[in-house]
Amino acid sequence: MPRPTETALKRRARSLLLAMTARARWIYAIPRDLGAQAVRPIALAKGLRCEEEDAKAGAARFSNDKQSASLVTFDSADLEVMLIEADGPDAPPILADILEKTSFYAQSTLLGTALDVRDEEASKALRTLSHMVVTWDEDWSDLFLLHLASPDAVVRHEATLALTVAVMVARDKGPAPALLEEAIRREKYPKLKETMREALNVIHGLTGGPVEIKPEPVA
């Protein structure tokens, strides 16, 4: 498919920001090194306290006493970014200070890369974007469909994993089951088909749907 114009990509990025604002959940990907230097001192200076931290996983959660602002960070070596999620009505000014210090990977750039499945960075861009799906819409559905229909099995595998992440972030299965069911019908590789089935089962489990119970092997 032809690459969208820069205007179209920026319009789509704007729609993502509006969706985040409507739900008071803002999620960005920032440079890992700058994030490691800036997030904690700014959060603490703004009156947030570190409630949870897993140094090994590179994850931390900060919040204020009123629970009107929280930050969750996750350092993803695999994606080469730090993901930061800000929640609550008092979170935007804190997030703005962090983003001013760190910069961020623009959603329009990530979308442009993800929409070109021939780009070797397309799958990584999709997986990064999957952490920003605060609500489902037709454009998200089309983007995941594009990757699940790729002739490259590796791209289809990465899209399956990204779709599972998107469901967890959105807290809503949205079109994911239908997308996976169609992908399963088309898939020719048995191992990848099984991965898709497992992902579908996980998604149903996350969203209260029917879960396939596999019998234990007889000893």
N, C-alpha and C. Protein backbone atom coordinates (compact mmCIF):
# COMPACT_ATOMS: atom_id res chain seq x y z
N MET A 1 0.84 -1.18 0.00
CA MET A 1 0.00 0.00 0.00
C MET A 1 0.89 1.25 0.00
N PRO A 2 0.44 2.36 -0.64
CA PRO A 2 1.26 3.57 -0.69
C PRO A 2 1.42 4.18 0.70
N ARG A 3 2.60 4.76 0.94
CA ARG A 3 2.84 5.40 2.22
C ARG A 3 1.94 6.62 2.37
N PRO A 4 1.28 6.77 3.51
CA PRO A 4 0.44 7.96 3.72
C PRO A 4 1.28 9.23 3.71
N THR A 5 0.66 10.32 3.41
CA THR A 5 1.35 11.60 3.42
C THR A 5 1.69 11.99 4.86
N GLU A 6 2.64 12.91 4.99
CA GLU A 6 3.01 13.39 6.33
C GLU A 6 1.81 14.04 7.00
N THR A 7 0.98 14.70 6.22
CA THR A 7 -0.23 15.33 6.78
C THR A 7 -1.16 14.27 7.37
N ALA A 8 -1.33 13.18 6.61
CA ALA A 8 -2.21 12.10 7.09
C ALA A 8 -1.64 11.44 8.34
N LEU A 9 -0.32 11.24 8.38
CA LEU A 9 0.30 10.63 9.56
C LEU A 9 0.17 11.53 10.78
N LYS A 10 0.34 12.82 10.59
CA LYS A 10 0.21 13.75 11.72
C LYS A 10 -1.25 13.84 12.17
N ARG A 11 -2.17 13.73 11.23
CA ARG A 11 -3.59 13.73 11.60
C ARG A 11 -3.91 12.50 12.44
N ARG A 12 -3.36 11.37 12.05
CA ARG A 12 -3.58 10.15 12.81
C ARG A 12 -2.95 10.25 14.20
N ALA A 13 -1.74 10.80 14.27
CA ALA A 13 -1.09 10.99 15.57
C ALA A 13 -1.92 11.91 16.45
N ARG A 14 -2.51 12.91 15.85
CA ARG A 14 -3.38 13.83 16.61
C ARG A 14 -4.58 13.09 17.17
N SER A 15 -5.13 12.18 16.37
CA SER A 15 -6.30 11.42 16.85
C SER A 15 -5.91 10.51 18.02
N LEU A 16 -4.68 10.00 18.00
CA LEU A 16 -4.22 9.18 19.13
C LEU A 16 -4.12 10.03 20.40
N LEU A 17 -3.61 11.24 20.26
CA LEU A 17 -3.50 12.14 21.42
C LEU A 17 -4.87 12.49 21.97
N LEU A 18 -5.83 12.74 21.08
CA LEU A 18 -7.18 13.05 21.53
C LEU A 18 -7.80 11.87 22.28
N ALA A 19 -7.55 10.66 21.78
CA ALA A 19 -8.08 9.46 22.46
C ALA A 19 -7.46 9.31 23.84
N MET A 20 -6.15 9.56 23.94
CA MET A 20 -5.49 9.48 25.24
C MET A 20 -6.05 10.53 26.20
N THR A 21 -6.24 11.75 25.70
CA THR A 21 -6.74 12.84 26.54
C THR A 21 -8.15 12.54 27.04
N ALA A 22 -8.97 11.95 26.18
CA ALA A 22 -10.34 11.61 26.57
C ALA A 22 -10.37 10.61 27.71
N ARG A 23 -9.33 9.80 27.82
CA ARG A 23 -9.27 8.78 28.87
C ARG A 23 -8.26 9.11 29.97
N ALA A 24 -7.68 10.28 29.89
CA ALA A 24 -6.67 10.71 30.87
C ALA A 24 -5.58 9.67 31.04
N ARG A 25 -5.16 9.08 29.91
CA ARG A 25 -4.05 8.12 29.87
C ARG A 25 -3.17 8.49 28.68
N TRP A 26 -1.96 8.89 28.99
CA TRP A 26 -1.03 9.31 27.94
C TRP A 26 0.17 8.39 27.94
N ILE A 27 0.48 7.80 26.80
CA ILE A 27 1.56 6.82 26.72
C ILE A 27 2.52 7.23 25.60
N TYR A 28 3.80 7.32 25.96
CA TYR A 28 4.82 7.73 25.02
C TYR A 28 6.03 6.80 25.11
N ALA A 29 6.78 6.77 24.02
CA ALA A 29 8.07 6.08 23.99
C ALA A 29 9.15 7.15 23.98
N ILE A 30 10.09 7.03 24.92
CA ILE A 30 11.15 8.02 25.05
C ILE A 30 12.52 7.32 25.00
N PRO A 31 13.59 8.07 24.72
CA PRO A 31 14.92 7.46 24.70
C PRO A 31 15.26 6.85 26.06
N ARG A 32 15.82 5.67 26.05
CA ARG A 32 16.09 4.94 27.29
C ARG A 32 17.06 5.69 28.20
N ASP A 33 18.15 6.17 27.65
CA ASP A 33 19.16 6.81 28.49
C ASP A 33 18.65 8.10 29.11
N LEU A 34 17.97 8.91 28.32
CA LEU A 34 17.44 10.16 28.84
C LEU A 34 16.31 9.91 29.84
N GLY A 35 15.50 8.88 29.57
CA GLY A 35 14.43 8.53 30.50
C GLY A 35 14.97 8.11 31.86
N ALA A 36 16.04 7.32 31.83
CA ALA A 36 16.65 6.86 33.08
C ALA A 36 17.19 8.02 33.90
N GLN A 37 17.64 9.07 33.23
CA GLN A 37 18.19 10.23 33.92
C GLN A 37 17.11 11.19 34.42
N ALA A 38 15.99 11.29 33.69
CA ALA A 38 15.05 12.38 33.95
C ALA A 38 13.79 12.00 34.71
N VAL A 39 13.26 10.82 34.49
CA VAL A 39 11.93 10.51 35.02
C VAL A 39 11.89 10.59 36.55
N ARG A 40 12.78 9.86 37.22
CA ARG A 40 12.74 9.82 38.68
C ARG A 40 12.90 11.21 39.32
N PRO A 41 13.96 11.96 38.98
CA PRO A 41 14.10 13.26 39.65
C PRO A 41 12.94 14.22 39.40
N ILE A 42 12.41 14.21 38.18
CA ILE A 42 11.28 15.09 37.91
C ILE A 42 10.04 14.62 38.66
N ALA A 43 9.78 13.32 38.66
CA ALA A 43 8.61 12.80 39.38
C ALA A 43 8.69 13.14 40.87
N LEU A 44 9.83 12.93 41.47
CA LEU A 44 9.98 13.21 42.90
C LEU A 44 9.88 14.71 43.17
N ALA A 45 10.44 15.53 42.30
CA ALA A 45 10.37 16.98 42.48
C ALA A 45 8.94 17.49 42.36
N LYS A 46 8.11 16.78 41.63
CA LYS A 46 6.71 17.18 41.45
C LYS A 46 5.79 16.60 42.52
N GLY A 47 6.37 15.97 43.54
CA GLY A 47 5.57 15.48 44.65
C GLY A 47 5.07 14.06 44.51
N LEU A 48 5.55 13.34 43.49
CA LEU A 48 5.18 11.93 43.38
C LEU A 48 6.14 11.09 44.21
N ARG A 49 5.68 9.96 44.64
CA ARG A 49 6.55 9.03 45.36
C ARG A 49 6.60 7.71 44.60
N CYS A 50 7.71 7.03 44.73
CA CYS A 50 7.87 5.74 44.06
C CYS A 50 7.17 4.68 44.90
N GLU A 51 6.07 4.13 44.38
CA GLU A 51 5.29 3.14 45.10
C GLU A 51 5.76 1.72 44.85
N GLU A 52 6.20 1.47 43.62
CA GLU A 52 6.67 0.14 43.26
C GLU A 52 7.85 0.27 42.31
N GLU A 53 8.77 -0.68 42.41
CA GLU A 53 9.90 -0.66 41.50
C GLU A 53 10.46 -2.06 41.35
N ASP A 54 10.75 -2.42 40.13
CA ASP A 54 11.40 -3.69 39.81
C ASP A 54 12.60 -3.34 38.94
N ALA A 55 13.75 -3.18 39.60
CA ALA A 55 14.94 -2.76 38.87
C ALA A 55 15.33 -3.76 37.79
N LYS A 56 15.16 -5.04 38.08
CA LYS A 56 15.53 -6.07 37.11
C LYS A 56 14.69 -5.97 35.85
N ALA A 57 13.40 -5.68 36.02
CA ALA A 57 12.50 -5.55 34.87
C ALA A 57 12.53 -4.14 34.28
N GLY A 58 13.18 -3.22 34.97
CA GLY A 58 13.22 -1.85 34.48
C GLY A 58 11.89 -1.16 34.56
N ALA A 59 11.10 -1.48 35.60
CA ALA A 59 9.76 -0.92 35.73
C ALA A 59 9.61 -0.18 37.05
N ALA A 60 8.83 0.89 37.05
CA ALA A 60 8.58 1.64 38.28
C ALA A 60 7.23 2.33 38.17
N ARG A 61 6.64 2.58 39.35
CA ARG A 61 5.36 3.30 39.41
C ARG A 61 5.48 4.42 40.43
N PHE A 62 5.06 5.62 40.01
CA PHE A 62 5.07 6.80 40.88
C PHE A 62 3.64 7.34 40.96
N SER A 63 3.26 7.89 42.12
CA SER A 63 1.95 8.52 42.23
C SER A 63 1.97 9.57 43.33
N ASN A 64 0.98 10.45 43.30
CA ASN A 64 0.88 11.46 44.36
C ASN A 64 -0.11 11.01 45.43
N ASP A 65 -0.19 11.76 46.51
CA ASP A 65 -1.03 11.37 47.65
C ASP A 65 -2.51 11.38 47.29
N LYS A 66 -2.90 12.26 46.39
CA LYS A 66 -4.32 12.37 46.02
C LYS A 66 -4.72 11.33 44.97
N GLN A 67 -3.75 10.57 44.46
CA GLN A 67 -4.01 9.61 43.37
C GLN A 67 -4.58 10.29 42.13
N SER A 68 -4.21 11.56 41.97
CA SER A 68 -4.68 12.31 40.81
C SER A 68 -3.63 12.36 39.70
N ALA A 69 -2.46 11.78 39.98
CA ALA A 69 -1.40 11.71 38.97
C ALA A 69 -0.53 10.51 39.26
N SER A 70 -0.28 9.73 38.23
CA SER A 70 0.62 8.59 38.38
C SER A 70 1.44 8.42 37.11
N LEU A 71 2.62 7.85 37.29
CA LEU A 71 3.50 7.53 36.16
C LEU A 71 3.93 6.09 36.29
N VAL A 72 3.90 5.36 35.18
CA VAL A 72 4.42 4.00 35.13
C VAL A 72 5.46 3.97 34.02
N THR A 73 6.64 3.49 34.33
CA THR A 73 7.70 3.41 33.33
C THR A 73 8.13 1.96 33.13
N PHE A 74 8.50 1.67 31.91
CA PHE A 74 9.01 0.33 31.58
C PHE A 74 10.14 0.49 30.58
N ASP A 75 11.32 0.05 30.97
CA ASP A 75 12.50 0.16 30.12
C ASP A 75 12.59 -1.08 29.24
N SER A 76 12.31 -0.93 27.95
CA SER A 76 12.30 -2.06 27.04
C SER A 76 13.59 -2.10 26.22
N ALA A 77 14.50 -2.97 26.62
CA ALA A 77 15.75 -3.12 25.86
C ALA A 77 15.45 -3.67 24.47
N ASP A 78 14.45 -4.54 24.37
CA ASP A 78 14.09 -5.16 23.10
C ASP A 78 13.63 -4.12 22.07
N LEU A 79 12.80 -3.17 22.52
CA LEU A 79 12.30 -2.14 21.63
C LEU A 79 13.21 -0.92 21.57
N GLU A 80 14.20 -0.91 22.45
CA GLU A 80 15.17 0.20 22.52
C GLU A 80 14.50 1.52 22.88
N VAL A 81 13.50 1.46 23.75
CA VAL A 81 12.81 2.66 24.23
C VAL A 81 12.46 2.46 25.69
N MET A 82 12.18 3.57 26.36
CA MET A 82 11.50 3.52 27.64
C MET A 82 10.06 3.95 27.38
N LEU A 83 9.12 3.16 27.85
CA LEU A 83 7.70 3.49 27.72
C LEU A 83 7.24 4.15 29.01
N ILE A 84 6.52 5.25 28.87
CA ILE A 84 6.03 5.96 30.04
C ILE A 84 4.54 6.21 29.88
N GLU A 85 3.78 5.82 30.89
CA GLU A 85 2.34 6.04 30.90
C GLU A 85 2.00 6.98 32.05
N ALA A 86 1.29 8.05 31.74
CA ALA A 86 0.84 9.01 32.74
C ALA A 86 -0.68 8.94 32.84
N ASP A 87 -1.17 8.84 34.07
CA ASP A 87 -2.61 8.74 34.30
C ASP A 87 -3.06 9.83 35.26
N GLY A 88 -4.29 10.29 35.05
CA GLY A 88 -4.90 11.20 36.00
C GLY A 88 -4.90 12.65 35.55
N PRO A 89 -5.83 13.44 36.09
CA PRO A 89 -5.99 14.83 35.64
C PRO A 89 -4.80 15.73 35.96
N ASP A 90 -4.01 15.38 36.97
CA ASP A 90 -2.86 16.21 37.33
C ASP A 90 -1.56 15.72 36.71
N ALA A 91 -1.65 14.71 35.85
CA ALA A 91 -0.44 14.13 35.27
C ALA A 91 0.15 14.92 34.09
N PRO A 92 -0.66 15.59 33.26
CA PRO A 92 -0.11 16.21 32.06
C PRO A 92 1.06 17.18 32.28
N PRO A 93 1.00 18.09 33.26
CA PRO A 93 2.15 18.99 33.43
C PRO A 93 3.43 18.25 33.80
N ILE A 94 3.31 17.18 34.57
CA ILE A 94 4.48 16.39 34.96
C ILE A 94 5.05 15.69 33.74
N LEU A 95 4.16 15.08 32.96
CA LEU A 95 4.59 14.39 31.74
C LEU A 95 5.23 15.38 30.77
N ALA A 96 4.64 16.57 30.66
CA ALA A 96 5.19 17.58 29.74
C ALA A 96 6.61 17.95 30.12
N ASP A 97 6.88 18.08 31.43
CA ASP A 97 8.23 18.41 31.88
C ASP A 97 9.21 17.29 31.53
N ILE A 98 8.75 16.06 31.68
CA ILE A 98 9.61 14.91 31.35
C ILE A 98 9.90 14.87 29.86
N LEU A 99 8.87 15.03 29.03
CA LEU A 99 9.04 14.97 27.58
C LEU A 99 9.90 16.12 27.07
N GLU A 100 9.80 17.27 27.72
CA GLU A 100 10.65 18.40 27.33
C GLU A 100 12.12 18.07 27.59
N LYS A 101 12.36 17.32 28.66
CA LYS A 101 13.73 16.96 29.02
C LYS A 101 14.26 15.81 28.16
N THR A 102 13.39 14.85 27.84
CA THR A 102 13.86 13.63 27.18
C THR A 102 13.65 13.61 25.68
N SER A 103 12.66 14.37 25.18
CA SER A 103 12.12 14.22 23.83
C SER A 103 11.36 12.90 23.77
N PHE A 104 10.75 12.60 22.63
CA PHE A 104 10.02 11.35 22.49
C PHE A 104 9.97 10.94 21.03
N TYR A 105 9.65 9.66 20.82
CA TYR A 105 9.54 9.14 19.46
C TYR A 105 8.13 9.45 18.95
N ALA A 106 8.06 10.30 17.95
CA ALA A 106 6.76 10.78 17.47
C ALA A 106 5.90 9.64 16.93
N GLN A 107 4.63 9.65 17.32
CA GLN A 107 3.72 8.61 16.84
C GLN A 107 3.61 8.64 15.31
N SER A 108 3.68 9.83 14.73
CA SER A 108 3.57 9.91 13.26
C SER A 108 4.72 9.18 12.58
N THR A 109 5.92 9.29 13.17
CA THR A 109 7.08 8.59 12.61
C THR A 109 6.94 7.09 12.78
N LEU A 110 6.51 6.66 13.96
CA LEU A 110 6.31 5.23 14.22
C LEU A 110 5.24 4.67 13.28
N LEU A 111 4.17 5.43 13.08
CA LEU A 111 3.11 4.97 12.18
C LEU A 111 3.60 4.85 10.75
N GLY A 112 4.38 5.83 10.31
CA GLY A 112 4.91 5.77 8.95
C GLY A 112 5.76 4.54 8.73
N THR A 113 6.56 4.19 9.73
CA THR A 113 7.40 2.99 9.62
C THR A 113 6.55 1.72 9.67
N ALA A 114 5.60 1.68 10.59
CA ALA A 114 4.77 0.48 10.76
C ALA A 114 3.91 0.20 9.54
N LEU A 115 3.53 1.24 8.83
CA LEU A 115 2.65 1.06 7.67
C LEU A 115 3.38 0.52 6.45
N ASP A 116 4.69 0.52 6.49
CA ASP A 116 5.48 -0.05 5.39
C ASP A 116 6.03 -1.40 5.86
N VAL A 117 5.27 -2.47 5.66
CA VAL A 117 5.68 -3.78 6.20
C VAL A 117 6.97 -4.30 5.57
N ARG A 118 7.42 -3.68 4.49
CA ARG A 118 8.69 -4.08 3.89
C ARG A 118 9.87 -3.50 4.65
N ASP A 119 9.62 -2.47 5.44
CA ASP A 119 10.68 -1.85 6.23
C ASP A 119 11.10 -2.82 7.33
N GLU A 120 12.39 -3.05 7.49
CA GLU A 120 12.86 -4.00 8.50
C GLU A 120 12.56 -3.55 9.92
N GLU A 121 12.23 -2.27 10.08
CA GLU A 121 11.87 -1.75 11.40
C GLU A 121 10.36 -1.72 11.62
N ALA A 122 9.58 -2.19 10.66
CA ALA A 122 8.12 -2.07 10.74
C ALA A 122 7.56 -2.83 11.93
N SER A 123 8.04 -4.05 12.16
CA SER A 123 7.50 -4.85 13.27
C SER A 123 7.82 -4.21 14.62
N LYS A 124 9.04 -3.68 14.74
CA LYS A 124 9.40 -3.01 16.00
C LYS A 124 8.53 -1.77 16.23
N ALA A 125 8.27 -1.04 15.14
CA ALA A 125 7.40 0.14 15.26
C ALA A 125 6.00 -0.27 15.68
N LEU A 126 5.48 -1.36 15.12
CA LEU A 126 4.15 -1.83 15.50
C LEU A 126 4.12 -2.24 16.97
N ARG A 127 5.14 -2.96 17.41
CA ARG A 127 5.17 -3.40 18.80
C ARG A 127 5.27 -2.21 19.74
N THR A 128 6.00 -1.17 19.33
CA THR A 128 6.05 0.04 20.16
C THR A 128 4.69 0.72 20.20
N LEU A 129 4.06 0.84 19.05
CA LEU A 129 2.73 1.45 18.99
C LEU A 129 1.68 0.66 19.75
N SER A 130 1.86 -0.66 19.85
CA SER A 130 0.87 -1.48 20.55
C SER A 130 0.74 -1.08 22.01
N HIS A 131 1.77 -0.45 22.56
CA HIS A 131 1.73 0.04 23.93
C HIS A 131 0.95 1.34 24.06
N MET A 132 0.46 1.87 22.95
CA MET A 132 -0.25 3.15 22.95
C MET A 132 -1.71 3.02 22.58
N VAL A 133 -2.20 1.79 22.49
CA VAL A 133 -3.60 1.57 22.10
C VAL A 133 -4.48 1.73 23.34
N VAL A 134 -4.88 2.96 23.63
CA VAL A 134 -5.75 3.17 24.79
C VAL A 134 -7.20 2.89 24.45
N THR A 135 -7.52 2.90 23.15
CA THR A 135 -8.87 2.56 22.71
C THR A 135 -8.79 2.09 21.26
N TRP A 136 -9.67 1.19 20.88
CA TRP A 136 -9.66 0.64 19.53
C TRP A 136 -10.43 1.53 18.57
N ASP A 137 -9.95 1.57 17.34
CA ASP A 137 -10.70 2.21 16.26
C ASP A 137 -10.34 1.50 14.96
N GLU A 138 -10.95 1.92 13.87
CA GLU A 138 -10.76 1.23 12.58
C GLU A 138 -9.32 1.30 12.10
N ASP A 139 -8.65 2.41 12.36
CA ASP A 139 -7.26 2.54 11.91
C ASP A 139 -6.34 1.55 12.62
N TRP A 140 -6.55 1.34 13.93
CA TRP A 140 -5.76 0.33 14.63
C TRP A 140 -6.02 -1.05 14.03
N SER A 141 -7.28 -1.36 13.80
CA SER A 141 -7.64 -2.65 13.23
C SER A 141 -6.96 -2.87 11.88
N ASP A 142 -6.98 -1.84 11.04
CA ASP A 142 -6.37 -1.95 9.71
C ASP A 142 -4.86 -2.14 9.80
N LEU A 143 -4.23 -1.49 10.76
CA LEU A 143 -2.78 -1.61 10.89
C LEU A 143 -2.37 -3.02 11.31
N PHE A 144 -3.07 -3.58 12.28
CA PHE A 144 -2.75 -4.95 12.70
C PHE A 144 -3.09 -5.95 11.60
N LEU A 145 -4.19 -5.71 10.89
CA LEU A 145 -4.55 -6.59 9.77
C LEU A 145 -3.46 -6.58 8.70
N LEU A 146 -2.91 -5.42 8.43
CA LEU A 146 -1.84 -5.30 7.43
C LEU A 146 -0.67 -6.20 7.79
N HIS A 147 -0.29 -6.22 9.07
CA HIS A 147 0.85 -7.03 9.50
C HIS A 147 0.49 -8.51 9.58
N LEU A 148 -0.70 -8.82 10.02
CA LEU A 148 -1.11 -10.23 10.11
C LEU A 148 -1.27 -10.87 8.73
N ALA A 149 -1.47 -10.04 7.71
CA ALA A 149 -1.62 -10.55 6.34
C ALA A 149 -0.31 -10.49 5.55
N SER A 150 0.77 -10.13 6.21
CA SER A 150 2.05 -10.03 5.52
C SER A 150 2.48 -11.39 4.97
N PRO A 151 3.17 -11.43 3.83
CA PRO A 151 3.70 -12.71 3.33
C PRO A 151 4.89 -13.21 4.15
N ASP A 152 5.42 -12.39 5.03
CA ASP A 152 6.56 -12.75 5.87
C ASP A 152 6.08 -13.34 7.19
N ALA A 153 6.43 -14.59 7.46
CA ALA A 153 5.96 -15.26 8.67
C ALA A 153 6.47 -14.58 9.93
N VAL A 154 7.68 -14.03 9.87
CA VAL A 154 8.23 -13.33 11.04
C VAL A 154 7.38 -12.10 11.37
N VAL A 155 6.96 -11.38 10.34
CA VAL A 155 6.11 -10.20 10.55
C VAL A 155 4.78 -10.62 11.16
N ARG A 156 4.22 -11.73 10.69
CA ARG A 156 2.94 -12.20 11.23
C ARG A 156 3.10 -12.61 12.70
N HIS A 157 4.23 -13.24 13.01
CA HIS A 157 4.49 -13.64 14.39
C HIS A 157 4.59 -12.41 15.31
N GLU A 158 5.34 -11.41 14.88
CA GLU A 158 5.50 -10.19 15.67
C GLU A 158 4.17 -9.48 15.83
N ALA A 159 3.35 -9.49 14.79
CA ALA A 159 2.04 -8.84 14.86
C ALA A 159 1.14 -9.54 15.87
N THR A 160 1.25 -10.86 15.95
CA THR A 160 0.46 -11.62 16.92
C THR A 160 0.81 -11.21 18.34
N LEU A 161 2.10 -11.09 18.62
CA LEU A 161 2.53 -10.67 19.96
C LEU A 161 2.10 -9.23 20.24
N ALA A 162 2.25 -8.36 19.24
CA ALA A 162 1.87 -6.96 19.42
C ALA A 162 0.38 -6.81 19.68
N LEU A 163 -0.42 -7.62 19.02
CA LEU A 163 -1.87 -7.55 19.20
C LEU A 163 -2.26 -7.91 20.63
N THR A 164 -1.58 -8.89 21.20
CA THR A 164 -1.85 -9.28 22.58
C THR A 164 -1.52 -8.13 23.53
N VAL A 165 -0.40 -7.46 23.28
CA VAL A 165 -0.03 -6.30 24.10
C VAL A 165 -1.08 -5.21 23.98
N ALA A 166 -1.55 -4.95 22.78
CA ALA A 166 -2.54 -3.90 22.56
C ALA A 166 -3.81 -4.17 23.35
N VAL A 167 -4.23 -5.42 23.41
CA VAL A 167 -5.43 -5.76 24.19
C VAL A 167 -5.20 -5.47 25.67
N MET A 168 -4.03 -5.81 26.18
CA MET A 168 -3.72 -5.55 27.57
C MET A 168 -3.71 -4.06 27.87
N VAL A 169 -3.14 -3.27 26.95
CA VAL A 169 -3.07 -1.83 27.17
C VAL A 169 -4.46 -1.21 27.08
N ALA A 170 -5.23 -1.59 26.07
CA ALA A 170 -6.57 -1.03 25.89
C ALA A 170 -7.56 -1.52 26.93
N ARG A 171 -7.23 -2.67 27.56
CA ARG A 171 -8.14 -3.30 28.54
C ARG A 171 -9.47 -3.65 27.87
N ASP A 172 -9.35 -4.00 26.61
CA ASP A 172 -10.53 -4.29 25.80
C ASP A 172 -10.05 -5.12 24.60
N LYS A 173 -10.74 -6.22 24.33
CA LYS A 173 -10.29 -7.09 23.22
C LYS A 173 -10.54 -6.47 21.85
N GLY A 174 -11.52 -5.58 21.75
CA GLY A 174 -11.79 -4.91 20.48
C GLY A 174 -11.87 -5.90 19.33
N PRO A 175 -11.20 -5.61 18.20
CA PRO A 175 -11.26 -6.47 17.02
C PRO A 175 -10.26 -7.62 17.07
N ALA A 176 -9.47 -7.72 18.15
CA ALA A 176 -8.38 -8.69 18.19
C ALA A 176 -8.82 -10.13 17.94
N PRO A 177 -9.88 -10.64 18.58
CA PRO A 177 -10.27 -12.03 18.31
C PRO A 177 -10.60 -12.28 16.84
N ALA A 178 -11.34 -11.37 16.23
CA ALA A 178 -11.71 -11.55 14.82
C ALA A 178 -10.46 -11.50 13.93
N LEU A 179 -9.54 -10.61 14.24
CA LEU A 179 -8.31 -10.52 13.45
C LEU A 179 -7.49 -11.81 13.56
N LEU A 180 -7.39 -12.34 14.76
CA LEU A 180 -6.62 -13.57 14.95
C LEU A 180 -7.33 -14.78 14.35
N GLU A 181 -8.63 -14.84 14.48
CA GLU A 181 -9.36 -15.98 13.91
C GLU A 181 -9.18 -16.03 12.39
N GLU A 182 -9.21 -14.86 11.75
CA GLU A 182 -9.00 -14.82 10.31
C GLU A 182 -7.55 -15.19 9.97
N ALA A 183 -6.61 -14.70 10.78
CA ALA A 183 -5.20 -15.03 10.55
C ALA A 183 -4.95 -16.52 10.71
N ILE A 184 -5.61 -17.13 11.67
CA ILE A 184 -5.47 -18.57 11.90
C ILE A 184 -5.98 -19.36 10.71
N ARG A 185 -7.10 -18.91 10.14
CA ARG A 185 -7.66 -19.61 8.97
C ARG A 185 -6.70 -19.55 7.78
N ARG A 186 -5.97 -18.44 7.65
CA ARG A 186 -5.05 -18.28 6.52
C ARG A 186 -3.69 -18.92 6.73
N GLU A 187 -3.29 -19.08 7.99
CA GLU A 187 -1.91 -19.45 8.30
C GLU A 187 -1.57 -20.86 7.82
N LYS A 188 -0.41 -21.01 7.17
CA LYS A 188 0.03 -22.28 6.63
C LYS A 188 1.07 -22.97 7.52
N TYR A 189 1.72 -22.20 8.39
CA TYR A 189 2.76 -22.77 9.25
C TYR A 189 2.13 -23.26 10.56
N PRO A 190 2.20 -24.56 10.83
CA PRO A 190 1.55 -25.11 12.04
C PRO A 190 2.03 -24.46 13.33
N LYS A 191 3.32 -24.20 13.46
CA LYS A 191 3.83 -23.63 14.71
C LYS A 191 3.31 -22.21 14.91
N LEU A 192 3.29 -21.42 13.85
CA LEU A 192 2.78 -20.05 13.96
C LEU A 192 1.28 -20.06 14.19
N LYS A 193 0.58 -21.01 13.57
CA LYS A 193 -0.86 -21.13 13.80
C LYS A 193 -1.13 -21.43 15.27
N GLU A 194 -0.30 -22.27 15.88
CA GLU A 194 -0.46 -22.59 17.29
C GLU A 194 -0.18 -21.36 18.15
N THR A 195 0.83 -20.58 17.78
CA THR A 195 1.12 -19.34 18.50
C THR A 195 -0.08 -18.40 18.45
N MET A 196 -0.71 -18.30 17.30
CA MET A 196 -1.89 -17.45 17.16
C MET A 196 -3.04 -17.96 18.02
N ARG A 197 -3.21 -19.27 18.06
CA ARG A 197 -4.27 -19.84 18.91
C ARG A 197 -4.00 -19.55 20.38
N GLU A 198 -2.74 -19.67 20.78
CA GLU A 198 -2.39 -19.38 22.17
C GLU A 198 -2.65 -17.91 22.50
N ALA A 199 -2.31 -17.04 21.55
CA ALA A 199 -2.57 -15.61 21.75
C ALA A 199 -4.06 -15.33 21.88
N LEU A 200 -4.86 -16.00 21.06
CA LEU A 200 -6.31 -15.84 21.13
C LEU A 200 -6.82 -16.29 22.48
N ASN A 201 -6.29 -17.38 22.99
CA ASN A 201 -6.69 -17.89 24.29
C ASN A 201 -6.33 -16.90 25.40
N VAL A 202 -5.14 -16.32 25.30
CA VAL A 202 -4.71 -15.32 26.28
C VAL A 202 -5.64 -14.11 26.25
N ILE A 203 -5.99 -13.66 25.06
CA ILE A 203 -6.87 -12.50 24.92
C ILE A 203 -8.24 -12.78 25.52
N HIS A 204 -8.78 -13.95 25.27
CA HIS A 204 -10.07 -14.30 25.88
C HIS A 204 -9.95 -14.33 27.40
N GLY A 205 -8.83 -14.85 27.90
CA GLY A 205 -8.63 -14.90 29.34
C GLY A 205 -8.53 -13.52 29.95
N LEU A 206 -7.89 -12.59 29.25
CA LEU A 206 -7.72 -11.24 29.75
C LEU A 206 -9.04 -10.47 29.78
N THR A 207 -9.94 -10.81 28.88
CA THR A 207 -11.16 -10.02 28.73
C THR A 207 -12.42 -10.77 29.14
N GLY A 208 -12.25 -11.88 29.84
CA GLY A 208 -13.41 -12.60 30.36
C GLY A 208 -14.13 -13.46 29.35
N GLY A 209 -13.51 -13.76 28.22
CA GLY A 209 -14.13 -14.61 27.22
C GLY A 209 -13.87 -16.07 27.50
N PRO A 210 -14.43 -16.95 26.67
CA PRO A 210 -14.22 -18.39 26.86
C PRO A 210 -12.77 -18.78 26.59
N VAL A 211 -12.19 -19.55 27.46
CA VAL A 211 -10.81 -19.98 27.34
C VAL A 211 -10.76 -21.47 27.07
N GLU A 212 -9.98 -21.85 26.06
CA GLU A 212 -9.82 -23.26 25.75
C GLU A 212 -8.93 -23.91 26.80
N ILE A 213 -9.42 -24.96 27.42
CA ILE A 213 -8.65 -25.69 28.42
C ILE A 213 -8.08 -26.93 27.77
N LYS A 214 -6.75 -27.01 27.73
CA LYS A 214 -6.12 -28.17 27.13
C LYS A 214 -5.96 -29.27 28.17
N PRO A 215 -6.32 -30.49 27.83
CA PRO A 215 -6.17 -31.60 28.80
C PRO A 215 -4.72 -31.87 29.11
N GLU A 216 -4.46 -32.23 30.36
CA GLU A 216 -3.10 -32.59 30.74
C GLU A 216 -2.72 -33.90 30.09
N PRO A 217 -1.46 -34.02 29.63
CA PRO A 217 -1.04 -35.27 29.00
C PRO A 217 -1.07 -36.41 30.01
N VAL A 218 -1.45 -37.56 29.54
CA VAL A 218 -1.49 -38.75 30.42
C VAL A 218 -0.09 -39.26 30.64
N ALA A 219 0.26 -39.47 31.90
CA ALA A 219 1.62 -39.95 32.22
C ALA A 219 1.80 -41.38 31.76
